[in-house]
């Protein structure tokens, strides 16, 4: 009688362990797959003074950097990748910069510009 109870407990514990292991790799029901814009980092400061600006704007036709005051990146266009991420890498001297992106989209032959701002960059030497 005790052996039969012991076997039931052991089988029950084995099933519980198997169920817990099978669910360990599963995502919670409210988890979602990461998208490009979820993992984007901008600005990225390089050790050599290079700064990489990135913006996710898949439907934009043109993205340009703007700055309050003089900046080495002001007025420069960003390059678009197939993923919809626009990127610009420039050498930036140590200073404080306030910048934004001009995002242009031409729906049905018209020009539409949105200003995505403000951001602040402190580049240290």
PDB file of N, CA and C in Angstrom:
ATOM      1  N   UNK A   1       0.813  -1.182   0.000  1.00  0.00           N
ATOM      2  CA  UNK A   1       0.000   0.000   0.000  1.00  0.00           C
ATOM      3  C   UNK A   1       0.865   1.257   0.000  1.00  0.00           C
ATOM      4  N   UNK A   2       1.889   1.302   0.829  1.00  0.00           N
ATOM      5  CA  UNK A   2       2.763   2.455   0.881  1.00  0.00           C
ATOM      6  C   UNK A   2       3.566   2.582  -0.411  1.00  0.00           C
ATOM      7  N   UNK A   3       3.932   1.483  -1.014  1.00  0.00           N
ATOM      8  CA  UNK A   3       4.679   1.503  -2.268  1.00  0.00           C
ATOM      9  C   UNK A   3       3.829   2.115  -3.383  1.00  0.00           C
ATOM     10  N   UNK A   4       2.555   1.759  -3.434  1.00  0.00           N
ATOM     11  CA  UNK A   4       1.654   2.302  -4.448  1.00  0.00           C
ATOM     12  C   UNK A   4       1.504   3.822  -4.281  1.00  0.00           C
ATOM     13  N   UNK A   5       1.369   4.324  -3.085  1.00  0.00           N
ATOM     14  CA  UNK A   5       1.264   5.755  -2.808  1.00  0.00           C
ATOM     15  C   UNK A   5       2.567   6.461  -3.186  1.00  0.00           C
ATOM     16  N   UNK A   6       3.673   5.852  -2.861  1.00  0.00           N
ATOM     17  CA  UNK A   6       4.980   6.418  -3.194  1.00  0.00           C
ATOM     18  C   UNK A   6       5.157   6.527  -4.702  1.00  0.00           C
ATOM     19  N   UNK A   7       4.721   5.519  -5.449  1.00  0.00           N
ATOM     20  CA  UNK A   7       4.817   5.558  -6.911  1.00  0.00           C
ATOM     21  C   UNK A   7       3.944   6.670  -7.492  1.00  0.00           C
ATOM     22  N   UNK A   8       2.747   6.833  -6.941  1.00  0.00           N
ATOM     23  CA  UNK A   8       1.856   7.904  -7.426  1.00  0.00           C
ATOM     24  C   UNK A   8       2.477   9.276  -7.183  1.00  0.00           C
ATOM     25  N   UNK A   9       3.073   9.473  -6.033  1.00  0.00           N
ATOM     26  CA  UNK A   9       3.723  10.745  -5.712  1.00  0.00           C
ATOM     27  C   UNK A   9       4.896  10.986  -6.657  1.00  0.00           C
ATOM     28  N   UNK A  10       5.703   9.962  -6.904  1.00  0.00           N
ATOM     29  CA  UNK A  10       6.863  10.100  -7.790  1.00  0.00           C
ATOM     30  C   UNK A  10       6.427  10.414  -9.211  1.00  0.00           C
ATOM     31  N   UNK A  11       5.386   9.726  -9.705  1.00  0.00           N
ATOM     32  CA  UNK A  11       4.883   9.989 -11.060  1.00  0.00           C
ATOM     33  C   UNK A  11       4.295  11.396 -11.137  1.00  0.00           C
ATOM     34  N   UNK A  12       3.560  11.795 -10.107  1.00  0.00           N
ATOM     35  CA  UNK A  12       2.982  13.150 -10.076  1.00  0.00           C
ATOM     36  C   UNK A  12       4.066  14.213 -10.085  1.00  0.00           C
ATOM     37  N   UNK A  13       5.119  14.015  -9.302  1.00  0.00           N
ATOM     38  CA  UNK A  13       6.233  14.978  -9.255  1.00  0.00           C
ATOM     39  C   UNK A  13       6.957  15.025 -10.593  1.00  0.00           C
ATOM     40  N   UNK A  14       7.108  13.874 -11.253  1.00  0.00           N
ATOM     41  CA  UNK A  14       7.757  13.832 -12.568  1.00  0.00           C
ATOM     42  C   UNK A  14       6.955  14.580 -13.610  1.00  0.00           C
ATOM     43  N   UNK A  15       5.623  14.433 -13.571  1.00  0.00           N
ATOM     44  CA  UNK A  15       4.763  15.152 -14.518  1.00  0.00           C
ATOM     45  C   UNK A  15       4.823  16.648 -14.275  1.00  0.00           C
ATOM     46  N   UNK A  16       4.850  17.058 -13.017  1.00  0.00           N
ATOM     47  CA  UNK A  16       4.936  18.470 -12.683  1.00  0.00           C
ATOM     48  C   UNK A  16       6.260  19.053 -13.180  1.00  0.00           C
ATOM     49  N   UNK A  17       7.351  18.325 -12.962  1.00  0.00           N
ATOM     50  CA  UNK A  17       8.657  18.797 -13.423  1.00  0.00           C
ATOM     51  C   UNK A  17       8.691  18.900 -14.938  1.00  0.00           C
ATOM     52  N   UNK A  18       8.092  17.938 -15.635  1.00  0.00           N
ATOM     53  CA  UNK A  18       8.040  17.961 -17.087  1.00  0.00           C
ATOM     54  C   UNK A  18       7.213  19.140 -17.578  1.00  0.00           C
ATOM     55  N   UNK A  19       6.100  19.411 -16.947  1.00  0.00           N
ATOM     56  CA  UNK A  19       5.247  20.535 -17.338  1.00  0.00           C
ATOM     57  C   UNK A  19       5.959  21.858 -17.107  1.00  0.00           C
ATOM     58  N   UNK A  20       6.691  21.970 -16.001  1.00  0.00           N
ATOM     59  CA  UNK A  20       7.416  23.210 -15.719  1.00  0.00           C
ATOM     60  C   UNK A  20       8.553  23.408 -16.713  1.00  0.00           C
ATOM     61  N   UNK A  21       9.235  22.349 -17.102  1.00  0.00           N
ATOM     62  CA  UNK A  21      10.331  22.439 -18.065  1.00  0.00           C
ATOM     63  C   UNK A  21       9.812  22.803 -19.447  1.00  0.00           C
ATOM     64  N   UNK A  22       8.692  22.233 -19.840  1.00  0.00           N
ATOM     65  CA  UNK A  22       8.132  22.507 -21.166  1.00  0.00           C
ATOM     66  C   UNK A  22       7.706  23.960 -21.283  1.00  0.00           C
ATOM     67  N   UNK A  23       7.236  24.562 -20.216  1.00  0.00           N
ATOM     68  CA  UNK A  23       6.778  25.947 -20.266  1.00  0.00           C
ATOM     69  C   UNK A  23       7.887  26.950 -20.035  1.00  0.00           C
ATOM     70  N   UNK A  24       9.092  26.491 -19.703  1.00  0.00           N
ATOM     71  CA  UNK A  24      10.174  27.414 -19.370  1.00  0.00           C
ATOM     72  C   UNK A  24      10.590  28.280 -20.555  1.00  0.00           C
ATOM     73  N   UNK A  25      10.582  27.743 -21.774  1.00  0.00           N
ATOM     74  CA  UNK A  25      11.009  28.510 -22.932  1.00  0.00           C
ATOM     75  C   UNK A  25       9.893  29.300 -23.583  1.00  0.00           C
ATOM     76  N   UNK A  26       8.677  29.091 -23.158  1.00  0.00           N
ATOM     77  CA  UNK A  26       7.540  29.786 -23.764  1.00  0.00           C
ATOM     78  C   UNK A  26       7.478  31.223 -23.275  1.00  0.00           C
ATOM     79  N   UNK A  27       7.016  32.121 -24.158  1.00  0.00           N
ATOM     80  CA  UNK A  27       6.866  33.517 -23.793  1.00  0.00           C
ATOM     81  C   UNK A  27       5.550  33.726 -23.067  1.00  0.00           C
ATOM     82  N   UNK A  28       5.495  34.688 -22.151  1.00  0.00           N
ATOM     83  CA  UNK A  28       4.231  34.999 -21.506  1.00  0.00           C
ATOM     84  C   UNK A  28       3.208  35.446 -22.558  1.00  0.00           C
ATOM     85  N   UNK A  29       1.927  35.320 -22.265  1.00  0.00           N
ATOM     86  CA  UNK A  29       0.910  35.637 -23.274  1.00  0.00           C
ATOM     87  C   UNK A  29       0.925  37.087 -23.745  1.00  0.00           C
ATOM     88  N   UNK A  30       1.392  38.031 -22.927  1.00  0.00           N
ATOM     89  CA  UNK A  30       1.409  39.433 -23.332  1.00  0.00           C
ATOM     90  C   UNK A  30       2.748  39.871 -23.928  1.00  0.00           C
ATOM     91  N   UNK A  31       3.719  38.958 -24.062  1.00  0.00           N
ATOM     92  CA  UNK A  31       5.024  39.301 -24.644  1.00  0.00           C
ATOM     93  C   UNK A  31       4.889  39.456 -26.151  1.00  0.00           C
ATOM     94  N   UNK A  32       5.668  40.375 -26.719  1.00  0.00           N
ATOM     95  CA  UNK A  32       5.634  40.555 -28.165  1.00  0.00           C
ATOM     96  C   UNK A  32       7.048  40.503 -28.713  1.00  0.00           C
ATOM     97  N   UNK A  33       7.152  40.233 -29.979  1.00  0.00           N
ATOM     98  CA  UNK A  33       8.441  40.173 -30.636  1.00  0.00           C
ATOM     99  C   UNK A  33       9.019  41.579 -30.744  1.00  0.00           C
ATOM    100  N   UNK A  34      10.319  41.714 -30.472  1.00  0.00           N
ATOM    101  CA  UNK A  34      10.964  43.025 -30.575  1.00  0.00           C
ATOM    102  C   UNK A  34      11.021  43.470 -32.027  1.00  0.00           C
ATOM    103  N   UNK A  35      10.749  44.746 -32.232  1.00  0.00           N
ATOM    104  CA  UNK A  35      10.814  45.336 -33.566  1.00  0.00           C
ATOM    105  C   UNK A  35      12.082  46.173 -33.677  1.00  0.00           C
ATOM    106  N   UNK A  36      12.402  46.615 -34.884  1.00  0.00           N
ATOM    107  CA  UNK A  36      13.604  47.432 -35.112  1.00  0.00           C
ATOM    108  C   UNK A  36      13.581  48.656 -34.207  1.00  0.00           C
ATOM    109  N   UNK A  37      12.464  49.355 -34.162  1.00  0.00           N
ATOM    110  CA  UNK A  37      12.387  50.587 -33.378  1.00  0.00           C
ATOM    111  C   UNK A  37      12.481  50.344 -31.870  1.00  0.00           C
ATOM    112  N   UNK A  38      12.254  49.112 -31.411  1.00  0.00           N
ATOM    113  CA  UNK A  38      12.379  48.792 -29.992  1.00  0.00           C
ATOM    114  C   UNK A  38      13.834  48.666 -29.552  1.00  0.00           C
ATOM    115  N   UNK A  39      14.707  48.327 -30.460  1.00  0.00           N
ATOM    116  CA  UNK A  39      16.107  48.080 -30.118  1.00  0.00           C
ATOM    117  C   UNK A  39      17.047  49.187 -30.596  1.00  0.00           C
ATOM    118  N   UNK A  40      16.515  50.205 -31.218  1.00  0.00           N
ATOM    119  CA  UNK A  40      17.320  51.283 -31.783  1.00  0.00           C
ATOM    120  C   UNK A  40      17.958  52.129 -30.687  1.00  0.00           C
ATOM    121  N   UNK A  41      19.226  52.483 -30.865  1.00  0.00           N
ATOM    122  CA  UNK A  41      19.922  53.353 -29.926  1.00  0.00           C
ATOM    123  C   UNK A  41      20.443  54.563 -30.677  1.00  0.00           C
ATOM    124  N   UNK A  42      20.155  55.749 -30.162  1.00  0.00           N
ATOM    125  CA  UNK A  42      20.625  56.965 -30.789  1.00  0.00           C
ATOM    126  C   UNK A  42      20.608  58.084 -29.762  1.00  0.00           C
ATOM    127  N   UNK A  43      21.663  58.879 -29.709  1.00  0.00           N
ATOM    128  CA  UNK A  43      22.913  58.763 -30.440  1.00  0.00           C
ATOM    129  C   UNK A  43      23.826  57.714 -29.798  1.00  0.00           C
ATOM    130  N   UNK A  44      24.731  57.200 -30.600  1.00  0.00           N
ATOM    131  CA  UNK A  44      25.751  56.270 -30.121  1.00  0.00           C
ATOM    132  C   UNK A  44      27.082  57.012 -30.193  1.00  0.00           C
ATOM    133  N   UNK A  45      27.710  57.182 -29.033  1.00  0.00           N
ATOM    134  CA  UNK A  45      28.970  57.922 -28.956  1.00  0.00           C
ATOM    135  C   UNK A  45      30.134  56.956 -29.039  1.00  0.00           C
ATOM    136  N   UNK A  46      30.976  57.142 -30.052  1.00  0.00           N
ATOM    137  CA  UNK A  46      32.162  56.308 -30.211  1.00  0.00           C
ATOM    138  C   UNK A  46      33.325  56.870 -29.433  1.00  0.00           C
ATOM    139  N   UNK A  47      34.289  56.034 -29.127  1.00  0.00           N
ATOM    140  CA  UNK A  47      35.465  56.458 -28.363  1.00  0.00           C
ATOM    141  C   UNK A  47      36.327  57.439 -29.143  1.00  0.00           C
ATOM    142  N   UNK A  48      36.244  57.403 -30.463  1.00  0.00           N
ATOM    143  CA  UNK A  48      37.076  58.252 -31.309  1.00  0.00           C
ATOM    144  C   UNK A  48      36.419  59.588 -31.655  1.00  0.00           C
ATOM    145  N   UNK A  49      35.314  59.953 -30.980  1.00  0.00           N
ATOM    146  CA  UNK A  49      34.634  61.212 -31.260  1.00  0.00           C
ATOM    147  C   UNK A  49      33.568  61.104 -32.341  1.00  0.00           C
ATOM    148  N   UNK A  50      33.394  59.906 -32.878  1.00  0.00           N
ATOM    149  CA  UNK A  50      32.349  59.697 -33.882  1.00  0.00           C
ATOM    150  C   UNK A  50      31.014  59.519 -33.168  1.00  0.00           C
ATOM    151  N   UNK A  51      29.986  60.111 -33.726  1.00  0.00           N
ATOM    152  CA  UNK A  51      28.638  59.971 -33.187  1.00  0.00           C
ATOM    153  C   UNK A  51      27.747  59.438 -34.296  1.00  0.00           C
ATOM    154  N   UNK A  52      26.942  58.412 -33.977  1.00  0.00           N
ATOM    155  CA  UNK A  52      26.008  57.848 -34.934  1.00  0.00           C
ATOM    156  C   UNK A  52      24.594  58.186 -34.488  1.00  0.00           C
ATOM    157  N   UNK A  53      23.871  58.879 -35.361  1.00  0.00           N
ATOM    158  CA  UNK A  53      22.474  59.227 -35.131  1.00  0.00           C
ATOM    159  C   UNK A  53      21.621  58.244 -35.913  1.00  0.00           C
ATOM    160  N   UNK A  54      20.525  57.794 -35.323  1.00  0.00           N
ATOM    161  CA  UNK A  54      19.626  56.866 -36.000  1.00  0.00           C
ATOM    162  C   UNK A  54      18.180  57.256 -35.717  1.00  0.00           C
ATOM    163  N   UNK A  55      17.331  57.015 -36.708  1.00  0.00           N
ATOM    164  CA  UNK A  55      15.907  57.284 -36.567  1.00  0.00           C
ATOM    165  C   UNK A  55      15.150  56.258 -37.387  1.00  0.00           C
ATOM    166  N   UNK A  56      14.107  55.697 -36.815  1.00  0.00           N
ATOM    167  CA  UNK A  56      13.268  54.745 -37.544  1.00  0.00           C
ATOM    168  C   UNK A  56      12.111  55.523 -38.164  1.00  0.00           C
ATOM    169  N   UNK A  57      12.108  55.608 -39.479  1.00  0.00           N
ATOM    170  CA  UNK A  57      11.057  56.308 -40.216  1.00  0.00           C
ATOM    171  C   UNK A  57      10.905  55.621 -41.573  1.00  0.00           C
ATOM    172  N   UNK A  58      10.235  54.456 -41.611  1.00  0.00           N
ATOM    173  CA  UNK A  58      10.191  53.658 -42.841  1.00  0.00           C
ATOM    174  C   UNK A  58       9.465  54.312 -44.009  1.00  0.00           C
ATOM    175  N   UNK A  59       8.524  55.218 -43.741  1.00  0.00           N
ATOM    176  CA  UNK A  59       7.780  55.854 -44.832  1.00  0.00           C
ATOM    177  C   UNK A  59       8.317  57.228 -45.216  1.00  0.00           C
ATOM    178  N   UNK A  60       9.401  57.649 -44.568  1.00  0.00           N
ATOM    179  CA  UNK A  60       9.987  58.958 -44.889  1.00  0.00           C
ATOM    180  C   UNK A  60      10.709  58.896 -46.227  1.00  0.00           C
ATOM    181  N   UNK A  61      10.733  60.027 -46.901  1.00  0.00           N
ATOM    182  CA  UNK A  61      11.453  60.123 -48.173  1.00  0.00           C
ATOM    183  C   UNK A  61      12.786  60.841 -48.000  1.00  0.00           C
ATOM    184  N   UNK A  62      12.920  61.572 -46.900  1.00  0.00           N
ATOM    185  CA  UNK A  62      14.151  62.318 -46.639  1.00  0.00           C
ATOM    186  C   UNK A  62      14.204  62.648 -45.150  1.00  0.00           C
ATOM    187  N   UNK A  63      15.391  62.495 -44.540  1.00  0.00           N
ATOM    188  CA  UNK A  63      15.595  62.868 -43.137  1.00  0.00           C
ATOM    189  C   UNK A  63      16.878  63.688 -43.071  1.00  0.00           C
ATOM    190  N   UNK A  64      16.782  64.839 -42.416  1.00  0.00           N
ATOM    191  CA  UNK A  64      17.916  65.761 -42.313  1.00  0.00           C
ATOM    192  C   UNK A  64      18.121  66.146 -40.854  1.00  0.00           C
ATOM    193  N   UNK A  65      19.382  66.284 -40.449  1.00  0.00           N
ATOM    194  CA  UNK A  65      19.703  66.733 -39.093  1.00  0.00           C
ATOM    195  C   UNK A  65      19.604  68.250 -39.027  1.00  0.00           C
ATOM    196  N   UNK A  66      19.062  68.748 -37.949  1.00  0.00           N
ATOM    197  CA  UNK A  66      18.999  70.192 -37.682  1.00  0.00           C
ATOM    198  C   UNK A  66      19.583  70.431 -36.296  1.00  0.00           C
ATOM    199  N   UNK A  67      20.031  71.661 -36.060  1.00  0.00           N
ATOM    200  CA  UNK A  67      20.643  71.980 -34.776  1.00  0.00           C
ATOM    201  C   UNK A  67      20.345  73.415 -34.406  1.00  0.00           C
ATOM    202  N   UNK A  68      20.247  73.643 -33.097  1.00  0.00           N
ATOM    203  CA  UNK A  68      20.131  75.000 -32.592  1.00  0.00           C
ATOM    204  C   UNK A  68      21.554  75.514 -32.435  1.00  0.00           C
ATOM    205  N   UNK A  69      21.973  76.366 -33.330  1.00  0.00           N
ATOM    206  CA  UNK A  69      23.351  76.841 -33.318  1.00  0.00           C
ATOM    207  C   UNK A  69      24.223  75.998 -34.236  1.00  0.00           C
ATOM    208  N   UNK A  70      25.494  76.374 -34.369  1.00  0.00           N
ATOM    209  CA  UNK A  70      26.382  75.631 -35.260  1.00  0.00           C
ATOM    210  C   UNK A  70      26.695  74.233 -34.722  1.00  0.00           C
ATOM    211  N   UNK A  71      26.686  73.283 -35.623  1.00  0.00           N
ATOM    212  CA  UNK A  71      27.022  71.898 -35.277  1.00  0.00           C
ATOM    213  C   UNK A  71      27.573  71.218 -36.520  1.00  0.00           C
ATOM    214  N   UNK A  72      28.497  70.279 -36.367  1.00  0.00           N
ATOM    215  CA  UNK A  72      29.084  69.614 -37.531  1.00  0.00           C
ATOM    216  C   UNK A  72      28.096  68.730 -38.292  1.00  0.00           C
ATOM    217  N   UNK A  73      26.953  68.433 -37.709  1.00  0.00           N
ATOM    218  CA  UNK A  73      25.973  67.581 -38.374  1.00  0.00           C
ATOM    219  C   UNK A  73      24.769  68.350 -38.903  1.00  0.00           C
ATOM    220  N   UNK A  74      24.692  69.644 -38.622  1.00  0.00           N
ATOM    221  CA  UNK A  74      23.531  70.444 -39.028  1.00  0.00           C
ATOM    222  C   UNK A  74      23.387  70.472 -40.547  1.00  0.00           C
ATOM    223  N   UNK A  75      22.194  70.170 -41.019  1.00  0.00           N
ATOM    224  CA  UNK A  75      21.910  70.203 -42.446  1.00  0.00           C
ATOM    225  C   UNK A  75      22.326  68.958 -43.206  1.00  0.00           C
ATOM    226  N   UNK A  76      22.907  67.998 -42.524  1.00  0.00           N
ATOM    227  CA  UNK A  76      23.366  66.782 -43.214  1.00  0.00           C
ATOM    228  C   UNK A  76      22.215  65.787 -43.344  1.00  0.00           C
ATOM    229  N   UNK A  77      22.137  65.146 -44.508  1.00  0.00           N
ATOM    230  CA  UNK A  77      21.086  64.130 -44.699  1.00  0.00           C
ATOM    231  C   UNK A  77      21.503  62.786 -44.098  1.00  0.00           C
ATOM    232  N   UNK A  78      20.520  62.035 -43.663  1.00  0.00           N
ATOM    233  CA  UNK A  78      20.757  60.684 -43.167  1.00  0.00           C
ATOM    234  C   UNK A  78      20.528  59.705 -44.309  1.00  0.00           C
ATOM    235  N   UNK A  79      21.176  58.561 -44.261  1.00  0.00           N
ATOM    236  CA  UNK A  79      21.028  57.529 -45.296  1.00  0.00           C
ATOM    237  C   UNK A  79      20.025  56.485 -44.803  1.00  0.00           C
ATOM    238  N   UNK A  80      19.155  56.038 -45.707  1.00  0.00           N
ATOM    239  CA  UNK A  80      18.112  55.079 -45.343  1.00  0.00           C
ATOM    240  C   UNK A  80      18.542  53.648 -45.660  1.00  0.00           C
ATOM    241  N   UNK A  81      18.341  52.753 -44.683  1.00  0.00           N
ATOM    242  CA  UNK A  81      18.586  51.319 -44.881  1.00  0.00           C
ATOM    243  C   UNK A  81      17.263  50.649 -45.248  1.00  0.00           C
ATOM    244  N   UNK A  82      17.339  49.425 -45.742  1.00  0.00           N
ATOM    245  CA  UNK A  82      16.133  48.683 -46.114  1.00  0.00           C
ATOM    246  C   UNK A  82      15.209  48.447 -44.927  1.00  0.00           C
ATOM    247  N   UNK A  83      15.748  48.456 -43.717  1.00  0.00           N
ATOM    248  CA  UNK A  83      14.951  48.229 -42.510  1.00  0.00           C
ATOM    249  C   UNK A  83      14.111  49.435 -42.121  1.00  0.00           C
ATOM    250  N   UNK A  84      14.321  50.576 -42.794  1.00  0.00           N
ATOM    251  CA  UNK A  84      13.589  51.798 -42.457  1.00  0.00           C
ATOM    252  C   UNK A  84      14.326  52.669 -41.460  1.00  0.00           C
ATOM    253  N   UNK A  85      15.552  52.290 -41.121  1.00  0.00           N
ATOM    254  CA  UNK A  85      16.368  53.062 -40.179  1.00  0.00           C
ATOM    255  C   UNK A  85      17.252  54.025 -40.964  1.00  0.00           C
ATOM    256  N   UNK A  86      17.170  55.285 -40.606  1.00  0.00           N
ATOM    257  CA  UNK A  86      18.010  56.323 -41.205  1.00  0.00           C
ATOM    258  C   UNK A  86      19.208  56.533 -40.300  1.00  0.00           C
ATOM    259  N   UNK A  87      20.416  56.665 -40.887  1.00  0.00           N
ATOM    260  CA  UNK A  87      21.654  56.731 -40.102  1.00  0.00           C
ATOM    261  C   UNK A  87      22.585  57.814 -40.633  1.00  0.00           C
ATOM    262  N   UNK A  88      23.265  58.477 -39.709  1.00  0.00           N
ATOM    263  CA  UNK A  88      24.322  59.433 -40.040  1.00  0.00           C
ATOM    264  C   UNK A  88      25.417  59.284 -38.997  1.00  0.00           C
ATOM    265  N   UNK A  89      26.661  59.118 -39.454  1.00  0.00           N
ATOM    266  CA  UNK A  89      27.812  59.045 -38.553  1.00  0.00           C
ATOM    267  C   UNK A  89      28.742  60.197 -38.892  1.00  0.00           C
ATOM    268  N   UNK A  90      29.053  61.014 -37.891  1.00  0.00           N
ATOM    269  CA  UNK A  90      29.914  62.182 -38.088  1.00  0.00           C
ATOM    270  C   UNK A  90      30.876  62.327 -36.920  1.00  0.00           C
ATOM    271  N   UNK A  91      31.965  63.036 -37.170  1.00  0.00           N
ATOM    272  CA  UNK A  91      32.930  63.397 -36.131  1.00  0.00           C
ATOM    273  C   UNK A  91      32.372  64.628 -35.420  1.00  0.00           C
ATOM    274  N   UNK A  92      32.227  64.559 -34.103  1.00  0.00           N
ATOM    275  CA  UNK A  92      31.631  65.659 -33.343  1.00  0.00           C
ATOM    276  C   UNK A  92      32.581  66.086 -32.230  1.00  0.00           C
ATOM    277  N   UNK A  93      33.031  67.359 -32.261  1.00  0.00           N
ATOM    278  CA  UNK A  93      33.885  67.835 -31.175  1.00  0.00           C
ATOM    279  C   UNK A  93      33.093  67.955 -29.864  1.00  0.00           C
ATOM    280  N   UNK A  94      33.818  67.915 -28.749  1.00  0.00           N
ATOM    281  CA  UNK A  94      33.188  68.001 -27.437  1.00  0.00           C
ATOM    282  C   UNK A  94      32.450  69.328 -27.283  1.00  0.00           C
ATOM    283  N   UNK A  95      31.154  69.242 -26.972  1.00  0.00           N
ATOM    284  CA  UNK A  95      30.317  70.426 -26.764  1.00  0.00           C
ATOM    285  C   UNK A  95      28.909  69.954 -26.428  1.00  0.00           C
ATOM    286  N   UNK A  96      28.025  70.880 -26.174  1.00  0.00           N
ATOM    287  CA  UNK A  96      26.617  70.580 -25.939  1.00  0.00           C
ATOM    288  C   UNK A  96      25.840  70.985 -27.185  1.00  0.00           C
ATOM    289  N   UNK A  97      25.041  70.068 -27.727  1.00  0.00           N
ATOM    290  CA  UNK A  97      24.278  70.325 -28.941  1.00  0.00           C
ATOM    291  C   UNK A  97      22.801  70.018 -28.687  1.00  0.00           C
ATOM    292  N   UNK A  98      21.944  70.870 -29.199  1.00  0.00           N
ATOM    293  CA  UNK A  98      20.515  70.580 -29.225  1.00  0.00           C
ATOM    294  C   UNK A  98      20.177  70.328 -30.681  1.00  0.00           C
ATOM    295  N   UNK A  99      19.587  69.178 -30.956  1.00  0.00           N
ATOM    296  CA  UNK A  99      19.347  68.802 -32.351  1.00  0.00           C
ATOM    297  C   UNK A  99      17.987  68.149 -32.503  1.00  0.00           C
ATOM    298  N   UNK A 100      17.545  68.056 -33.745  1.00  0.00           N
ATOM    299  CA  UNK A 100      16.325  67.348 -34.089  1.00  0.00           C
ATOM    300  C   UNK A 100      16.419  66.840 -35.509  1.00  0.00           C
ATOM    301  N   UNK A 101      15.464  66.016 -35.864  1.00  0.00           N
ATOM    302  CA  UNK A 101      15.408  65.457 -37.212  1.00  0.00           C
ATOM    303  C   UNK A 101      14.276  66.131 -37.979  1.00  0.00           C
ATOM    304  N   UNK A 102      14.548  66.543 -39.200  1.00  0.00           N
ATOM    305  CA  UNK A 102      13.494  66.957 -40.120  1.00  0.00           C
ATOM    306  C   UNK A 102      13.134  65.726 -40.936  1.00  0.00           C
ATOM    307  N   UNK A 103      11.907  65.288 -40.842  1.00  0.00           N
ATOM    308  CA  UNK A 103      11.457  64.084 -41.537  1.00  0.00           C
ATOM    309  C   UNK A 103      10.473  64.498 -42.615  1.00  0.00           C
ATOM    310  N   UNK A 104      10.835  64.247 -43.865  1.00  0.00           N
ATOM    311  CA  UNK A 104       9.983  64.622 -44.993  1.00  0.00           C
ATOM    312  C   UNK A 104       9.318  63.383 -45.561  1.00  0.00           C
ATOM    313  N   UNK A 105       8.055  63.547 -45.890  1.00  0.00           N
ATOM    314  CA  UNK A 105       7.283  62.483 -46.518  1.00  0.00           C
ATOM    315  C   UNK A 105       6.423  63.141 -47.582  1.00  0.00           C
ATOM    316  N   UNK A 106       6.469  62.616 -48.772  1.00  0.00           N
ATOM    317  CA  UNK A 106       5.733  63.225 -49.881  1.00  0.00           C
ATOM    318  C   UNK A 106       4.528  62.365 -50.254  1.00  0.00           C
ATOM    319  N   UNK A 107       3.399  62.541 -49.583  1.00  0.00           N
ATOM    320  CA  UNK A 107       2.216  61.775 -49.977  1.00  0.00           C
ATOM    321  C   UNK A 107       1.539  62.407 -51.182  1.00  0.00           C
ATOM    322  N   UNK A 108       1.282  61.624 -52.181  1.00  0.00           N
ATOM    323  CA  UNK A 108       0.565  62.053 -53.384  1.00  0.00           C
ATOM    324  C   UNK A 108       1.146  63.323 -53.999  1.00  0.00           C
ATOM    325  N   UNK A 109       2.481  63.379 -54.093  1.00  0.00           N
ATOM    326  CA  UNK A 109       3.125  64.492 -54.783  1.00  0.00           C
ATOM    327  C   UNK A 109       3.291  65.754 -53.965  1.00  0.00           C
ATOM    328  N   UNK A 110       2.842  65.778 -52.733  1.00  0.00           N
ATOM    329  CA  UNK A 110       3.013  66.968 -51.896  1.00  0.00           C
ATOM    330  C   UNK A 110       4.118  66.734 -50.882  1.00  0.00           C
ATOM    331  N   UNK A 111       4.736  67.815 -50.458  1.00  0.00           N
ATOM    332  CA  UNK A 111       5.781  67.698 -49.444  1.00  0.00           C
ATOM    333  C   UNK A 111       5.170  67.923 -48.068  1.00  0.00           C
ATOM    334  N   UNK A 112       5.434  67.021 -47.180  1.00  0.00           N
ATOM    335  CA  UNK A 112       4.970  67.117 -45.801  1.00  0.00           C
ATOM    336  C   UNK A 112       6.184  66.933 -44.906  1.00  0.00           C
ATOM    337  N   UNK A 113       6.434  67.869 -44.013  1.00  0.00           N
ATOM    338  CA  UNK A 113       7.603  67.781 -43.146  1.00  0.00           C
ATOM    339  C   UNK A 113       7.166  67.747 -41.688  1.00  0.00           C
ATOM    340  N   UNK A 114       7.723  66.812 -40.954  1.00  0.00           N
ATOM    341  CA  UNK A 114       7.493  66.734 -39.510  1.00  0.00           C
ATOM    342  C   UNK A 114       8.817  66.974 -38.810  1.00  0.00           C
ATOM    343  N   UNK A 115       8.781  67.712 -37.743  1.00  0.00           N
ATOM    344  CA  UNK A 115       9.993  67.965 -36.966  1.00  0.00           C
ATOM    345  C   UNK A 115       9.951  67.079 -35.732  1.00  0.00           C
ATOM    346  N   UNK A 116      10.933  66.211 -35.600  1.00  0.00           N
ATOM    347  CA  UNK A 116      11.038  65.341 -34.439  1.00  0.00           C
ATOM    348  C   UNK A 116      12.088  65.968 -33.541  1.00  0.00           C
ATOM    349  N   UNK A 117      11.668  66.565 -32.431  1.00  0.00           N
ATOM    350  CA  UNK A 117      12.623  67.261 -31.588  1.00  0.00           C
ATOM    351  C   UNK A 117      12.116  67.382 -30.189  1.00  0.00           C
ATOM    352  N   UNK A 118      12.855  67.927 -29.244  1.00  0.00           N
ATOM    353  CA  UNK A 118      14.282  68.200 -29.271  1.00  0.00           C
ATOM    354  C   UNK A 118      15.060  67.076 -28.602  1.00  0.00           C
ATOM    355  N   UNK A 119      16.276  66.970 -28.920  1.00  0.00           N
ATOM    356  CA  UNK A 119      17.207  66.058 -28.269  1.00  0.00           C
ATOM    357  C   UNK A 119      18.404  66.879 -27.838  1.00  0.00           C
ATOM    358  N   UNK A 120      19.103  66.400 -26.835  1.00  0.00           N
ATOM    359  CA  UNK A 120      20.307  67.093 -26.395  1.00  0.00           C
ATOM    360  C   UNK A 120      21.444  66.095 -26.396  1.00  0.00           C
ATOM    361  N   UNK A 121      22.558  66.491 -26.956  1.00  0.00           N
ATOM    362  CA  UNK A 121      23.757  65.648 -27.021  1.00  0.00           C
ATOM    363  C   UNK A 121      24.890  66.368 -26.331  1.00  0.00           C
ATOM    364  N   UNK A 122      25.504  65.714 -25.381  1.00  0.00           N
ATOM    365  CA  UNK A 122      26.700  66.256 -24.759  1.00  0.00           C
ATOM    366  C   UNK A 122      27.853  65.358 -25.171  1.00  0.00           C
ATOM    367  N   UNK A 123      28.681  65.853 -26.048  1.00  0.00           N
ATOM    368  CA  UNK A 123      29.842  65.100 -26.526  1.00  0.00           C
ATOM    369  C   UNK A 123      31.050  65.518 -25.711  1.00  0.00           C
ATOM    370  N   UNK A 124      31.644  64.593 -25.014  1.00  0.00           N
ATOM    371  CA  UNK A 124      32.804  64.880 -24.171  1.00  0.00           C
ATOM    372  C   UNK A 124      34.073  64.441 -24.859  1.00  0.00           C
ATOM    373  N   UNK A 125      35.143  65.159 -24.597  1.00  0.00           N
ATOM    374  CA  UNK A 125      36.421  64.793 -25.209  1.00  0.00           C
ATOM    375  C   UNK A 125      37.143  63.753 -24.407  1.00  0.00           C
TER     376      UNK A 125
END
